[in-house]
Amino acid sequence: MNIHKHDLHHEFPEFKDEIRSLKMNDNHFAKVFKKYHELDHEVIRIEEGVENTSDTYLDELKMNRLNHKDELFLMLKKHQAKQAQSI
């Protein structure tokens, strides 16, 4: 099985600076970011066969990870828009 990395730096390389800034300055972003990476690591461990679980549980994890990624993306876009307005 080919396992793909889903960490935010691979998913959104164009937001590298925004990710760093928000992780340091926005507690909500940092919390969601941390949870996203915990979910990603759990999915990877299951896909690599380190942990066994049902397909249903794995699908739920992936959906939860996707929801967190969507929330993070929206925060990144909002932050980027604020930065553009302040220039």
Protein backbone atom coordinates (compact mmCIF):
# COMPACT_ATOMS: atom_id res chain seq x y z
CA MET A 1 0.00 0.00 0.00
CA ASN A 2 1.29 3.43 -0.94
CA ILE A 3 0.87 5.71 2.08
CA HIS A 4 0.72 9.45 1.43
CA LYS A 5 1.72 12.12 3.88
CA HIS A 6 -1.11 14.41 4.84
CA ASP A 7 0.67 16.81 7.17
CA LEU A 8 -0.25 20.43 6.53
CA HIS A 9 3.18 21.36 5.20
CA HIS A 10 2.74 18.78 2.42
CA GLU A 11 -0.92 19.58 1.87
CA PHE A 12 -0.53 23.37 1.80
CA PRO A 13 3.10 24.29 1.05
CA GLU A 14 1.96 27.74 -0.12
CA PHE A 15 0.83 28.49 3.46
CA LYS A 16 4.14 27.67 5.15
CA ASP A 17 4.50 31.12 6.73
CA GLU A 18 0.84 31.33 7.71
CA ILE A 19 0.96 27.91 9.38
CA ARG A 20 3.97 28.94 11.44
CA SER A 21 2.45 32.27 12.40
CA LEU A 22 -0.93 30.85 13.37
CA LYS A 23 0.59 27.98 15.35
CA MET A 24 2.47 30.51 17.47
CA ASN A 25 -0.22 33.21 17.76
CA ASP A 26 -3.65 31.56 17.56
CA ASN A 27 -4.55 29.08 20.30
CA HIS A 28 -7.55 27.70 18.43
CA PHE A 29 -5.50 27.09 15.28
CA ALA A 30 -2.77 25.41 17.35
CA LYS A 31 -5.33 23.14 19.03
CA VAL A 32 -6.96 22.09 15.74
CA PHE A 33 -3.50 21.71 14.14
CA LYS A 34 -2.40 19.38 16.94
CA LYS A 35 -5.57 17.27 16.70
CA TYR A 36 -5.23 17.07 12.91
CA HIS A 37 -1.69 15.71 13.22
CA GLU A 38 -2.71 13.23 15.92
CA LEU A 39 -5.44 11.92 13.61
CA ASP A 40 -3.02 11.79 10.68
CA HIS A 41 -0.47 9.78 12.66
CA GLU A 42 -3.15 7.34 13.81
CA VAL A 43 -4.37 6.85 10.23
CA ILE A 44 -0.79 6.26 9.05
CA ARG A 45 -0.13 3.70 11.80
CA ILE A 46 -3.27 1.81 10.81
CA GLU A 47 -2.46 1.97 7.10
CA GLU A 48 1.08 0.72 7.78
CA GLY A 49 -0.31 -2.22 9.74
CA VAL A 50 1.17 -1.10 13.06
CA GLU A 51 -2.36 -1.01 14.51
CA ASN A 52 -5.35 -3.08 13.54
CA THR A 53 -8.89 -1.77 13.44
CA SER A 54 -12.10 -2.01 11.48
CA ASP A 55 -12.51 -0.33 8.11
CA THR A 56 -15.41 1.63 9.56
CA TYR A 57 -13.23 3.09 12.31
CA LEU A 58 -10.49 3.96 9.79
CA ASP A 59 -13.04 5.68 7.57
CA GLU A 60 -14.30 7.68 10.56
CA LEU A 61 -10.74 8.76 11.38
CA LYS A 62 -10.15 9.85 7.81
CA MET A 63 -13.40 11.83 7.75
CA ASN A 64 -12.51 13.49 11.05
CA ARG A 65 -9.03 14.32 9.69
CA LEU A 66 -10.62 15.82 6.57
CA ASN A 67 -12.97 17.97 8.65
CA HIS A 68 -10.02 19.28 10.66
CA LYS A 69 -8.08 19.98 7.47
CA ASP A 70 -11.03 21.91 6.05
CA GLU A 71 -11.25 24.00 9.22
CA LEU A 72 -7.51 24.68 9.14
CA PHE A 73 -7.64 25.64 5.47
CA LEU A 74 -10.40 28.15 6.14
CA MET A 75 -8.38 29.69 8.98
CA LEU A 76 -5.32 29.88 6.73
CA LYS A 77 -7.28 31.60 3.94
CA LYS A 78 -8.80 34.05 6.42
CA HIS A 79 -5.38 34.83 7.88
CA GLN A 80 -3.93 35.30 4.39
CA ALA A 81 -6.76 37.70 3.47
CA LYS A 82 -6.15 39.75 6.64
CA GLN A 83 -2.45 39.95 5.83
CA ALA A 84 -3.19 41.11 2.29
CA GLN A 85 -5.53 43.84 3.59
CA SER A 86 -2.89 45.17 5.97
CA ILE A 87 -0.37 45.68 3.16
